[in-house]
Amino acid sequence: MSFRAEAVDQSKYAPAVEGILPAIHRRWSPRAFQDRPVSPADLAQLFEAARWAPSSYNEQPWRFLVGLRGTSTHQKITSTLIPFNQSWAPKAPVLMLGVAKTRFSHDNSANDYALYDLGAATALLVVQAAALGLATHQMGAFDHAAARKALEIPEDYLIGSVTALGYQGEPALLPNERMIAQEVAPRTRKPLSEFVLSAWGQPARLVE
């Protein structure tokens, strides 16, 4: 198989299923990024998609700290990443950190679904990115305490994931053979029967 970016990208597409949005099948998580900025208009579209995610009591608890390469926010997010992620993620033109407010605005009670709602907003954002031909890679391997301090995040906000955003680059740009192998490896998913259940341990019968 060719290791060129376009061929790798196409090899990652999930098998087409009638009725499923193409962007869902095309979304995957590369680590190689081009040295190409993302336009403000495209960024606005991504956050517009996130804006319409569902949330408990319509609280919309998500906040996204967005760092464009060359800015202090990009540098601060980079500084919190583990060394493995620091070896590739800073090349992405955009790094963002999602956080979620943990108390409801209407009565200040605990919002136990805040992080779930941040995940829903992020999911819509990355699918919209795929529809625009953009690549995203979400990361949990970073120092949460350092991120809170560096970005001055209030204590009543939970920290979600860091997302690298940009245009997919050539796998050969990655720093070592292990990463290149991961970049070009086939994409796999569990079958529906493993996680869609009618009772515990019993696959749901979806199609007669």
N, C-alpha and C. Protein backbone atom coordinates (compact mmCIF):
# COMPACT_ATOMS: atom_id res chain seq x y z
N MET A 1 0.83 -1.19 0.00
CA MET A 1 0.00 0.00 0.00
C MET A 1 0.87 1.25 0.00
N SER A 2 0.48 2.25 -0.77
CA SER A 2 1.19 3.52 -0.77
C SER A 2 1.07 4.19 0.59
N PHE A 3 2.16 4.84 1.00
CA PHE A 3 2.14 5.58 2.25
C PHE A 3 1.84 7.06 2.01
N ARG A 4 1.43 7.42 0.80
CA ARG A 4 1.06 8.79 0.53
C ARG A 4 -0.21 9.15 1.29
N ALA A 5 -0.32 10.42 1.67
CA ALA A 5 -1.41 10.86 2.54
C ALA A 5 -2.78 10.55 1.94
N GLU A 6 -2.96 10.83 0.66
CA GLU A 6 -4.28 10.62 0.04
C GLU A 6 -4.67 9.14 0.06
N ALA A 7 -3.71 8.26 -0.26
CA ALA A 7 -4.00 6.83 -0.27
C ALA A 7 -4.29 6.32 1.13
N VAL A 8 -3.53 6.80 2.11
CA VAL A 8 -3.77 6.39 3.49
C VAL A 8 -5.15 6.84 3.94
N ASP A 9 -5.49 8.08 3.61
CA ASP A 9 -6.80 8.62 3.99
C ASP A 9 -7.93 7.76 3.43
N GLN A 10 -7.85 7.43 2.15
CA GLN A 10 -8.91 6.63 1.52
C GLN A 10 -8.97 5.23 2.10
N SER A 11 -7.82 4.70 2.50
CA SER A 11 -7.81 3.36 3.08
C SER A 11 -8.49 3.32 4.45
N LYS A 12 -8.62 4.48 5.08
CA LYS A 12 -9.22 4.56 6.41
C LYS A 12 -10.74 4.69 6.36
N TYR A 13 -11.30 4.97 5.18
CA TYR A 13 -12.75 5.13 5.11
C TYR A 13 -13.44 3.86 5.55
N ALA A 14 -14.44 4.00 6.40
CA ALA A 14 -15.23 2.84 6.79
C ALA A 14 -16.07 2.37 5.61
N PRO A 15 -16.44 1.09 5.56
CA PRO A 15 -17.30 0.61 4.48
C PRO A 15 -18.59 1.41 4.43
N ALA A 16 -18.99 1.78 3.23
CA ALA A 16 -20.19 2.59 3.07
C ALA A 16 -21.43 1.81 3.53
N VAL A 17 -22.26 2.47 4.29
CA VAL A 17 -23.55 1.92 4.72
C VAL A 17 -24.62 2.91 4.30
N GLU A 18 -25.61 2.43 3.61
CA GLU A 18 -26.65 3.31 3.08
C GLU A 18 -27.28 4.13 4.21
N GLY A 19 -27.35 5.45 3.97
CA GLY A 19 -27.99 6.34 4.92
C GLY A 19 -27.09 6.97 5.94
N ILE A 20 -25.86 6.45 6.10
CA ILE A 20 -24.93 7.02 7.07
C ILE A 20 -24.20 8.21 6.43
N LEU A 21 -24.10 9.29 7.17
CA LEU A 21 -23.42 10.47 6.64
C LEU A 21 -21.98 10.14 6.26
N PRO A 22 -21.56 10.49 5.04
CA PRO A 22 -20.19 10.15 4.60
C PRO A 22 -19.12 10.67 5.55
N ALA A 23 -19.33 11.83 6.15
CA ALA A 23 -18.30 12.40 7.04
C ALA A 23 -18.03 11.51 8.23
N ILE A 24 -19.03 10.76 8.69
CA ILE A 24 -18.83 9.85 9.82
C ILE A 24 -17.88 8.73 9.42
N HIS A 25 -18.05 8.22 8.20
CA HIS A 25 -17.20 7.13 7.74
C HIS A 25 -15.78 7.61 7.41
N ARG A 26 -15.65 8.88 7.06
CA ARG A 26 -14.35 9.40 6.65
C ARG A 26 -13.51 9.90 7.83
N ARG A 27 -14.14 10.14 8.97
CA ARG A 27 -13.42 10.68 10.12
C ARG A 27 -12.48 9.64 10.71
N TRP A 28 -11.22 10.01 10.85
CA TRP A 28 -10.27 9.18 11.58
C TRP A 28 -9.26 10.12 12.23
N SER A 29 -8.24 9.58 12.87
CA SER A 29 -7.38 10.39 13.73
C SER A 29 -5.92 10.32 13.31
N PRO A 30 -5.53 11.05 12.27
CA PRO A 30 -4.12 11.06 11.88
C PRO A 30 -3.27 11.85 12.87
N ARG A 31 -1.97 11.61 12.82
CA ARG A 31 -1.02 12.39 13.61
C ARG A 31 -0.16 13.29 12.73
N ALA A 32 -0.13 13.02 11.44
CA ALA A 32 0.67 13.85 10.53
C ALA A 32 -0.20 15.00 10.01
N PHE A 33 0.31 16.22 10.14
CA PHE A 33 -0.43 17.41 9.71
C PHE A 33 0.41 18.24 8.75
N GLN A 34 -0.27 18.84 7.79
CA GLN A 34 0.38 19.76 6.87
C GLN A 34 0.67 21.09 7.57
N ASP A 35 1.65 21.79 7.03
CA ASP A 35 1.95 23.15 7.48
C ASP A 35 1.03 24.11 6.72
N ARG A 36 -0.25 24.05 7.05
CA ARG A 36 -1.28 24.82 6.34
C ARG A 36 -2.32 25.30 7.34
N PRO A 37 -2.57 26.60 7.41
CA PRO A 37 -3.52 27.09 8.41
C PRO A 37 -4.97 26.71 8.07
N VAL A 38 -5.79 26.70 9.09
CA VAL A 38 -7.23 26.51 8.93
C VAL A 38 -7.88 27.89 8.89
N SER A 39 -8.75 28.11 7.93
CA SER A 39 -9.33 29.44 7.78
C SER A 39 -10.27 29.78 8.94
N PRO A 40 -10.39 31.06 9.29
CA PRO A 40 -11.34 31.47 10.32
C PRO A 40 -12.77 31.05 9.99
N ALA A 41 -13.13 31.07 8.71
CA ALA A 41 -14.48 30.67 8.32
C ALA A 41 -14.73 29.20 8.62
N ASP A 42 -13.74 28.35 8.35
CA ASP A 42 -13.89 26.92 8.65
C ASP A 42 -13.95 26.68 10.15
N LEU A 43 -13.12 27.40 10.90
CA LEU A 43 -13.17 27.26 12.35
C LEU A 43 -14.55 27.65 12.88
N ALA A 44 -15.09 28.73 12.35
CA ALA A 44 -16.42 29.16 12.79
C ALA A 44 -17.47 28.09 12.51
N GLN A 45 -17.36 27.41 11.36
CA GLN A 45 -18.30 26.34 11.04
C GLN A 45 -18.21 25.20 12.05
N LEU A 46 -16.99 24.86 12.45
CA LEU A 46 -16.82 23.76 13.41
C LEU A 46 -17.51 24.08 14.73
N PHE A 47 -17.33 25.27 15.21
CA PHE A 47 -17.93 25.62 16.49
C PHE A 47 -19.43 25.89 16.37
N GLU A 48 -19.87 26.24 15.19
CA GLU A 48 -21.32 26.33 14.96
C GLU A 48 -21.94 24.94 15.06
N ALA A 49 -21.26 23.94 14.51
CA ALA A 49 -21.75 22.57 14.63
C ALA A 49 -21.78 22.14 16.10
N ALA A 50 -20.72 22.44 16.84
CA ALA A 50 -20.66 22.10 18.26
C ALA A 50 -21.75 22.81 19.04
N ARG A 51 -22.08 24.01 18.64
CA ARG A 51 -23.06 24.82 19.36
C ARG A 51 -24.42 24.17 19.44
N TRP A 52 -24.75 23.35 18.45
CA TRP A 52 -26.08 22.75 18.37
C TRP A 52 -26.14 21.34 18.93
N ALA A 53 -25.11 20.96 19.67
CA ALA A 53 -25.15 19.66 20.36
C ALA A 53 -26.20 19.69 21.46
N PRO A 54 -26.79 18.54 21.78
CA PRO A 54 -27.74 18.48 22.90
C PRO A 54 -27.00 18.56 24.23
N SER A 55 -27.69 19.05 25.25
CA SER A 55 -27.10 19.10 26.58
C SER A 55 -28.20 19.10 27.64
N SER A 56 -27.87 18.61 28.81
CA SER A 56 -28.82 18.54 29.90
C SER A 56 -29.30 19.94 30.28
N TYR A 57 -30.62 20.12 30.33
CA TYR A 57 -31.25 21.41 30.61
C TYR A 57 -30.80 22.50 29.64
N ASN A 58 -30.32 22.10 28.48
CA ASN A 58 -29.80 23.05 27.50
C ASN A 58 -28.74 23.97 28.10
N GLU A 59 -27.96 23.42 29.03
CA GLU A 59 -26.95 24.21 29.72
C GLU A 59 -25.80 24.61 28.81
N GLN A 60 -25.50 23.74 27.82
CA GLN A 60 -24.37 24.00 26.92
C GLN A 60 -23.10 24.31 27.75
N PRO A 61 -22.67 23.34 28.56
CA PRO A 61 -21.59 23.60 29.52
C PRO A 61 -20.21 23.67 28.91
N TRP A 62 -20.08 23.38 27.62
CA TRP A 62 -18.77 23.29 27.00
C TRP A 62 -18.14 24.66 26.79
N ARG A 63 -16.82 24.69 26.88
CA ARG A 63 -15.99 25.82 26.50
C ARG A 63 -14.79 25.25 25.77
N PHE A 64 -14.34 25.92 24.72
CA PHE A 64 -13.18 25.46 23.96
C PHE A 64 -12.11 26.54 23.97
N LEU A 65 -10.95 26.21 24.51
CA LEU A 65 -9.80 27.10 24.47
C LEU A 65 -9.02 26.76 23.21
N VAL A 66 -8.94 27.71 22.30
CA VAL A 66 -8.43 27.46 20.95
C VAL A 66 -7.09 28.16 20.75
N GLY A 67 -6.08 27.38 20.41
CA GLY A 67 -4.75 27.94 20.17
C GLY A 67 -4.34 27.76 18.72
N LEU A 68 -4.12 28.86 18.02
CA LEU A 68 -3.56 28.81 16.67
C LEU A 68 -2.04 28.78 16.77
N ARG A 69 -1.42 28.03 15.88
CA ARG A 69 0.04 27.89 15.94
C ARG A 69 0.70 29.26 15.92
N GLY A 70 1.65 29.46 16.81
CA GLY A 70 2.33 30.74 16.92
C GLY A 70 1.78 31.61 18.03
N THR A 71 0.65 31.19 18.64
CA THR A 71 0.07 31.95 19.73
C THR A 71 0.47 31.34 21.07
N SER A 72 0.28 32.12 22.13
CA SER A 72 0.62 31.63 23.45
C SER A 72 -0.29 30.48 23.87
N THR A 73 -1.54 30.49 23.43
CA THR A 73 -2.45 29.40 23.79
C THR A 73 -2.00 28.08 23.18
N HIS A 74 -1.58 28.09 21.93
CA HIS A 74 -1.04 26.90 21.29
C HIS A 74 0.19 26.40 22.05
N GLN A 75 1.06 27.32 22.44
CA GLN A 75 2.27 26.95 23.18
C GLN A 75 1.94 26.39 24.55
N LYS A 76 0.96 26.97 25.23
CA LYS A 76 0.59 26.50 26.56
C LYS A 76 0.00 25.10 26.49
N ILE A 77 -0.88 24.86 25.53
CA ILE A 77 -1.45 23.52 25.38
C ILE A 77 -0.34 22.51 25.07
N THR A 78 0.55 22.88 24.15
CA THR A 78 1.68 22.00 23.81
C THR A 78 2.49 21.64 25.04
N SER A 79 2.71 22.60 25.91
CA SER A 79 3.57 22.38 27.08
C SER A 79 2.99 21.36 28.05
N THR A 80 1.68 21.11 27.98
CA THR A 80 1.05 20.16 28.90
C THR A 80 1.01 18.74 28.37
N LEU A 81 1.33 18.54 27.09
CA LEU A 81 1.25 17.22 26.47
C LEU A 81 2.38 16.32 26.95
N ILE A 82 2.13 15.00 27.00
CA ILE A 82 3.20 14.07 27.30
C ILE A 82 4.21 14.10 26.15
N PRO A 83 5.46 13.68 26.38
CA PRO A 83 6.47 13.77 25.32
C PRO A 83 6.07 13.11 24.00
N PHE A 84 5.39 11.95 24.07
CA PHE A 84 4.97 11.29 22.83
C PHE A 84 4.11 12.22 21.99
N ASN A 85 3.13 12.87 22.61
CA ASN A 85 2.26 13.77 21.86
C ASN A 85 2.96 15.07 21.47
N GLN A 86 3.93 15.49 22.28
CA GLN A 86 4.69 16.68 21.90
C GLN A 86 5.53 16.46 20.65
N SER A 87 5.79 15.20 20.32
CA SER A 87 6.62 14.91 19.15
C SER A 87 5.89 15.11 17.83
N TRP A 88 4.55 15.21 17.86
CA TRP A 88 3.80 15.38 16.60
C TRP A 88 2.72 16.46 16.68
N ALA A 89 2.04 16.59 17.80
CA ALA A 89 0.86 17.46 17.87
C ALA A 89 1.15 18.94 17.63
N PRO A 90 2.28 19.49 18.07
CA PRO A 90 2.52 20.92 17.84
C PRO A 90 2.55 21.32 16.37
N LYS A 91 2.73 20.35 15.46
CA LYS A 91 2.73 20.67 14.03
C LYS A 91 1.32 20.99 13.53
N ALA A 92 0.30 20.59 14.27
CA ALA A 92 -1.07 20.91 13.87
C ALA A 92 -1.28 22.41 14.00
N PRO A 93 -1.92 23.05 13.02
CA PRO A 93 -2.11 24.50 13.09
C PRO A 93 -3.05 24.96 14.18
N VAL A 94 -3.87 24.04 14.70
CA VAL A 94 -4.80 24.40 15.77
C VAL A 94 -4.74 23.32 16.85
N LEU A 95 -4.59 23.74 18.09
CA LEU A 95 -4.76 22.87 19.24
C LEU A 95 -5.86 23.47 20.10
N MET A 96 -6.80 22.64 20.53
CA MET A 96 -7.89 23.16 21.38
C MET A 96 -8.10 22.23 22.57
N LEU A 97 -8.50 22.83 23.66
CA LEU A 97 -8.81 22.08 24.87
C LEU A 97 -10.26 22.32 25.23
N GLY A 98 -11.02 21.23 25.36
CA GLY A 98 -12.42 21.33 25.75
C GLY A 98 -12.57 21.18 27.25
N VAL A 99 -13.39 22.04 27.85
CA VAL A 99 -13.69 21.96 29.28
C VAL A 99 -15.20 22.09 29.45
N ALA A 100 -15.68 21.71 30.63
CA ALA A 100 -17.13 21.69 30.86
C ALA A 100 -17.45 22.24 32.24
N LYS A 101 -18.38 23.17 32.29
CA LYS A 101 -18.83 23.76 33.55
C LYS A 101 -19.63 22.72 34.33
N THR A 102 -19.31 22.55 35.61
CA THR A 102 -19.88 21.45 36.39
C THR A 102 -21.13 21.82 37.18
N ARG A 103 -21.59 23.08 37.09
CA ARG A 103 -22.80 23.47 37.81
C ARG A 103 -23.77 24.17 36.87
N PHE A 104 -25.04 23.87 37.07
CA PHE A 104 -26.09 24.47 36.25
C PHE A 104 -26.23 25.97 36.55
N SER A 105 -26.51 26.73 35.51
CA SER A 105 -26.66 28.17 35.68
C SER A 105 -27.95 28.53 36.41
N HIS A 106 -29.02 27.71 36.24
CA HIS A 106 -30.32 28.11 36.77
C HIS A 106 -30.45 27.94 38.28
N ASP A 107 -29.67 27.01 38.89
CA ASP A 107 -29.79 26.83 40.33
C ASP A 107 -28.47 26.46 41.02
N ASN A 108 -27.38 26.47 40.27
CA ASN A 108 -26.05 26.18 40.80
C ASN A 108 -25.90 24.75 41.33
N SER A 109 -26.82 23.85 40.95
CA SER A 109 -26.69 22.46 41.37
C SER A 109 -25.67 21.75 40.48
N ALA A 110 -25.18 20.59 40.97
CA ALA A 110 -24.16 19.85 40.23
C ALA A 110 -24.72 19.31 38.91
N ASN A 111 -23.95 19.48 37.85
CA ASN A 111 -24.31 18.94 36.54
C ASN A 111 -23.45 17.69 36.30
N ASP A 112 -24.04 16.53 36.60
CA ASP A 112 -23.30 15.28 36.47
C ASP A 112 -23.09 14.86 35.02
N TYR A 113 -23.71 15.57 34.09
CA TYR A 113 -23.61 15.21 32.68
C TYR A 113 -22.77 16.21 31.89
N ALA A 114 -22.08 17.08 32.58
CA ALA A 114 -21.33 18.14 31.90
C ALA A 114 -20.27 17.57 30.95
N LEU A 115 -19.50 16.59 31.42
CA LEU A 115 -18.46 16.02 30.57
C LEU A 115 -19.05 15.24 29.41
N TYR A 116 -20.17 14.57 29.67
CA TYR A 116 -20.89 13.87 28.59
C TYR A 116 -21.30 14.87 27.52
N ASP A 117 -21.85 16.01 27.94
CA ASP A 117 -22.30 17.01 26.98
C ASP A 117 -21.15 17.62 26.20
N LEU A 118 -19.99 17.82 26.88
CA LEU A 118 -18.80 18.28 26.16
C LEU A 118 -18.42 17.27 25.09
N GLY A 119 -18.52 15.98 25.40
CA GLY A 119 -18.22 14.94 24.42
C GLY A 119 -19.14 15.00 23.22
N ALA A 120 -20.44 15.27 23.48
CA ALA A 120 -21.39 15.38 22.37
C ALA A 120 -21.03 16.54 21.46
N ALA A 121 -20.68 17.68 22.06
CA ALA A 121 -20.31 18.85 21.26
C ALA A 121 -19.03 18.59 20.46
N THR A 122 -18.07 17.91 21.08
CA THR A 122 -16.82 17.60 20.39
C THR A 122 -17.05 16.62 19.25
N ALA A 123 -17.96 15.67 19.46
CA ALA A 123 -18.26 14.71 18.39
C ALA A 123 -18.82 15.42 17.17
N LEU A 124 -19.74 16.37 17.38
CA LEU A 124 -20.27 17.10 16.23
C LEU A 124 -19.18 17.93 15.56
N LEU A 125 -18.29 18.49 16.37
CA LEU A 125 -17.20 19.30 15.82
C LEU A 125 -16.30 18.47 14.92
N VAL A 126 -15.92 17.27 15.36
CA VAL A 126 -14.98 16.48 14.55
C VAL A 126 -15.65 15.91 13.30
N VAL A 127 -16.95 15.63 13.38
CA VAL A 127 -17.65 15.17 12.17
C VAL A 127 -17.76 16.32 11.17
N GLN A 128 -18.06 17.52 11.65
CA GLN A 128 -18.09 18.68 10.76
C GLN A 128 -16.72 18.93 10.15
N ALA A 129 -15.68 18.72 10.93
CA ALA A 129 -14.32 18.86 10.40
C ALA A 129 -14.09 17.89 9.25
N ALA A 130 -14.50 16.65 9.42
CA ALA A 130 -14.34 15.66 8.35
C ALA A 130 -15.10 16.08 7.10
N ALA A 131 -16.29 16.66 7.28
CA ALA A 131 -17.08 17.11 6.14
C ALA A 131 -16.38 18.23 5.38
N LEU A 132 -15.54 19.01 6.08
CA LEU A 132 -14.82 20.11 5.45
C LEU A 132 -13.44 19.69 4.93
N GLY A 133 -13.11 18.40 5.06
CA GLY A 133 -11.81 17.92 4.61
C GLY A 133 -10.69 18.17 5.61
N LEU A 134 -11.07 18.42 6.85
CA LEU A 134 -10.08 18.66 7.90
C LEU A 134 -9.86 17.40 8.72
N ALA A 135 -8.70 17.30 9.33
CA ALA A 135 -8.35 16.15 10.16
C ALA A 135 -8.33 16.57 11.62
N THR A 136 -8.73 15.65 12.50
CA THR A 136 -8.69 15.90 13.94
C THR A 136 -8.09 14.68 14.65
N HIS A 137 -7.47 14.95 15.78
CA HIS A 137 -6.95 13.86 16.63
C HIS A 137 -7.12 14.30 18.07
N GLN A 138 -7.93 13.54 18.81
CA GLN A 138 -8.20 13.87 20.21
C GLN A 138 -7.23 13.13 21.12
N MET A 139 -6.82 13.80 22.19
CA MET A 139 -5.81 13.25 23.10
C MET A 139 -6.25 13.40 24.55
N GLY A 140 -6.01 12.36 25.32
CA GLY A 140 -6.22 12.43 26.76
C GLY A 140 -4.91 12.47 27.52
N ALA A 141 -3.79 12.22 26.82
CA ALA A 141 -2.49 12.11 27.48
C ALA A 141 -1.83 13.48 27.57
N PHE A 142 -2.23 14.22 28.61
CA PHE A 142 -1.63 15.50 28.91
C PHE A 142 -1.80 15.76 30.40
N ASP A 143 -1.08 16.70 30.93
CA ASP A 143 -1.10 17.01 32.36
C ASP A 143 -2.27 17.95 32.64
N HIS A 144 -3.34 17.40 33.22
CA HIS A 144 -4.54 18.20 33.45
C HIS A 144 -4.28 19.35 34.41
N ALA A 145 -3.53 19.09 35.47
CA ALA A 145 -3.24 20.14 36.44
C ALA A 145 -2.44 21.27 35.80
N ALA A 146 -1.47 20.90 34.98
CA ALA A 146 -0.67 21.92 34.29
C ALA A 146 -1.52 22.72 33.32
N ALA A 147 -2.44 22.05 32.64
CA ALA A 147 -3.32 22.75 31.70
C ALA A 147 -4.23 23.73 32.45
N ARG A 148 -4.76 23.30 33.59
CA ARG A 148 -5.61 24.19 34.37
C ARG A 148 -4.84 25.44 34.80
N LYS A 149 -3.60 25.24 35.24
CA LYS A 149 -2.80 26.37 35.69
C LYS A 149 -2.40 27.26 34.52
N ALA A 150 -1.90 26.66 33.46
CA ALA A 150 -1.39 27.46 32.33
C ALA A 150 -2.49 28.27 31.66
N LEU A 151 -3.69 27.69 31.59
CA LEU A 151 -4.79 28.34 30.87
C LEU A 151 -5.79 29.01 31.81
N GLU A 152 -5.47 29.00 33.11
CA GLU A 152 -6.27 29.69 34.12
C GLU A 152 -7.74 29.23 34.08
N ILE A 153 -7.92 27.92 34.08
CA ILE A 153 -9.25 27.33 34.02
C ILE A 153 -9.83 27.27 35.44
N PRO A 154 -11.01 27.81 35.68
CA PRO A 154 -11.59 27.79 37.02
C PRO A 154 -11.81 26.37 37.53
N GLU A 155 -11.82 26.21 38.83
CA GLU A 155 -11.95 24.90 39.45
C GLU A 155 -13.31 24.26 39.19
N ASP A 156 -14.33 25.05 38.87
CA ASP A 156 -15.65 24.46 38.65
C ASP A 156 -15.85 24.04 37.19
N TYR A 157 -14.75 23.85 36.46
CA TYR A 157 -14.80 23.31 35.11
C TYR A 157 -14.00 22.01 35.06
N LEU A 158 -14.61 20.96 34.50
CA LEU A 158 -13.90 19.71 34.26
C LEU A 158 -13.11 19.83 32.96
N ILE A 159 -11.97 19.17 32.92
CA ILE A 159 -11.12 19.20 31.74
C ILE A 159 -11.40 17.96 30.89
N GLY A 160 -11.64 18.17 29.61
CA GLY A 160 -11.91 17.08 28.68
C GLY A 160 -10.64 16.69 27.93
N SER A 161 -10.70 16.74 26.61
CA SER A 161 -9.57 16.30 25.80
C SER A 161 -8.95 17.47 25.04
N VAL A 162 -7.71 17.27 24.62
CA VAL A 162 -7.05 18.17 23.67
C VAL A 162 -7.31 17.62 22.28
N THR A 163 -7.65 18.50 21.35
CA THR A 163 -7.87 18.09 19.96
C THR A 163 -6.91 18.84 19.05
N ALA A 164 -6.15 18.10 18.26
CA ALA A 164 -5.33 18.69 17.21
C ALA A 164 -6.17 18.76 15.94
N LEU A 165 -6.07 19.88 15.24
CA LEU A 165 -6.90 20.12 14.06
C LEU A 165 -6.05 20.70 12.94
N GLY A 166 -6.29 20.22 11.73
CA GLY A 166 -5.61 20.79 10.57
C GLY A 166 -5.89 19.95 9.34
N TYR A 167 -4.94 19.94 8.43
CA TYR A 167 -5.04 19.15 7.21
C TYR A 167 -4.08 17.97 7.29
N GLN A 168 -4.56 16.80 6.93
CA GLN A 168 -3.74 15.60 7.02
C GLN A 168 -2.45 15.76 6.22
N GLY A 169 -1.34 15.36 6.83
CA GLY A 169 -0.05 15.44 6.17
C GLY A 169 0.47 14.07 5.76
N GLU A 170 1.65 14.06 5.20
CA GLU A 170 2.26 12.82 4.75
C GLU A 170 2.75 12.01 5.97
N PRO A 171 2.47 10.71 6.02
CA PRO A 171 2.94 9.89 7.14
C PRO A 171 4.45 9.98 7.36
N ALA A 172 5.20 10.16 6.28
CA ALA A 172 6.67 10.22 6.40
C ALA A 172 7.13 11.40 7.23
N LEU A 173 6.26 12.38 7.48
CA LEU A 173 6.61 13.53 8.30
C LEU A 173 6.70 13.18 9.78
N LEU A 174 6.13 12.04 10.16
CA LEU A 174 6.13 11.64 11.56
C LEU A 174 7.54 11.26 12.01
N PRO A 175 7.82 11.39 13.31
CA PRO A 175 9.21 11.29 13.77
C PRO A 175 9.82 9.91 13.85
N ASN A 176 9.01 8.84 13.79
CA ASN A 176 9.61 7.51 13.88
C ASN A 176 8.75 6.47 13.19
N GLU A 177 9.34 5.28 12.99
CA GLU A 177 8.67 4.22 12.26
C GLU A 177 7.43 3.70 12.98
N ARG A 178 7.45 3.70 14.30
CA ARG A 178 6.29 3.24 15.06
C ARG A 178 5.07 4.10 14.75
N MET A 179 5.25 5.40 14.75
CA MET A 179 4.11 6.29 14.46
C MET A 179 3.64 6.13 13.03
N ILE A 180 4.59 5.97 12.12
CA ILE A 180 4.21 5.79 10.72
C ILE A 180 3.38 4.51 10.57
N ALA A 181 3.80 3.44 11.24
CA ALA A 181 3.06 2.18 11.17
C ALA A 181 1.65 2.34 11.72
N GLN A 182 1.51 3.09 12.82
CA GLN A 182 0.17 3.35 13.36
C GLN A 182 -0.67 4.17 12.40
N GLU A 183 -0.02 5.11 11.73
CA GLU A 183 -0.74 6.01 10.82
C GLU A 183 -1.34 5.26 9.64
N VAL A 184 -0.64 4.26 9.15
CA VAL A 184 -1.09 3.57 7.94
C VAL A 184 -1.81 2.25 8.24
N ALA A 185 -1.92 1.89 9.52
CA ALA A 185 -2.57 0.63 9.87
C ALA A 185 -4.05 0.66 9.55
N PRO A 186 -4.66 -0.49 9.22
CA PRO A 186 -6.09 -0.54 8.92
C PRO A 186 -6.92 -0.07 10.11
N ARG A 187 -8.05 0.52 9.81
CA ARG A 187 -8.99 0.96 10.83
C ARG A 187 -9.92 -0.18 11.18
N THR A 188 -10.19 -0.39 12.45
CA THR A 188 -11.07 -1.47 12.86
C THR A 188 -12.11 -0.96 13.85
N ARG A 189 -13.25 -1.65 13.90
CA ARG A 189 -14.30 -1.34 14.85
C ARG A 189 -14.98 -2.63 15.31
N LYS A 190 -15.51 -2.62 16.53
CA LYS A 190 -16.25 -3.76 17.04
C LYS A 190 -17.54 -3.92 16.25
N PRO A 191 -18.05 -5.15 16.12
CA PRO A 191 -19.33 -5.35 15.45
C PRO A 191 -20.47 -4.83 16.34
N LEU A 192 -21.60 -4.47 15.71
CA LEU A 192 -22.75 -3.99 16.46
C LEU A 192 -23.19 -4.99 17.52
N SER A 193 -23.06 -6.27 17.22
CA SER A 193 -23.53 -7.30 18.14
C SER A 193 -22.79 -7.27 19.48
N GLU A 194 -21.64 -6.61 19.51
CA GLU A 194 -20.86 -6.57 20.74
C GLU A 194 -21.30 -5.47 21.70
N PHE A 195 -21.97 -4.42 21.15
CA PHE A 195 -22.30 -3.31 22.04
C PHE A 195 -23.75 -2.82 21.93
N VAL A 196 -24.53 -3.42 21.05
CA VAL A 196 -25.96 -3.09 20.97
C VAL A 196 -26.72 -4.30 21.50
N LEU A 197 -27.32 -4.16 22.69
CA LEU A 197 -27.85 -5.30 23.42
C LEU A 197 -29.33 -5.14 23.72
N SER A 198 -30.04 -6.26 23.72
CA SER A 198 -31.43 -6.26 24.17
C SER A 198 -31.52 -6.65 25.65
N ALA A 199 -30.51 -7.35 26.15
CA ALA A 199 -30.32 -7.67 27.56
C ALA A 199 -28.83 -7.85 27.74
N TRP A 200 -28.35 -7.80 29.00
CA TRP A 200 -26.91 -7.86 29.20
C TRP A 200 -26.33 -9.14 28.64
N GLY A 201 -25.36 -8.97 27.73
CA GLY A 201 -24.73 -10.12 27.11
C GLY A 201 -25.51 -10.69 25.94
N GLN A 202 -26.62 -10.08 25.59
CA GLN A 202 -27.47 -10.61 24.51
C GLN A 202 -27.58 -9.56 23.40
N PRO A 203 -27.01 -9.81 22.23
CA PRO A 203 -27.08 -8.84 21.14
C PRO A 203 -28.52 -8.53 20.75
N ALA A 204 -28.79 -7.26 20.48
CA ALA A 204 -30.12 -6.87 20.00
C ALA A 204 -30.27 -7.31 18.56
N ARG A 205 -31.47 -7.71 18.21
CA ARG A 205 -31.76 -8.10 16.84
C ARG A 205 -32.28 -6.88 16.10
N LEU A 206 -31.42 -6.31 15.26
CA LEU A 206 -31.75 -5.05 14.61
C LEU A 206 -32.40 -5.23 13.25
N VAL A 207 -32.07 -6.31 12.57
CA VAL A 207 -32.59 -6.54 11.22
C VAL A 207 -33.26 -7.91 11.18
N GLU A 208 -34.47 -7.96 10.70
CA GLU A 208 -35.17 -9.25 10.58
C GLU A 208 -34.62 -10.06 9.41
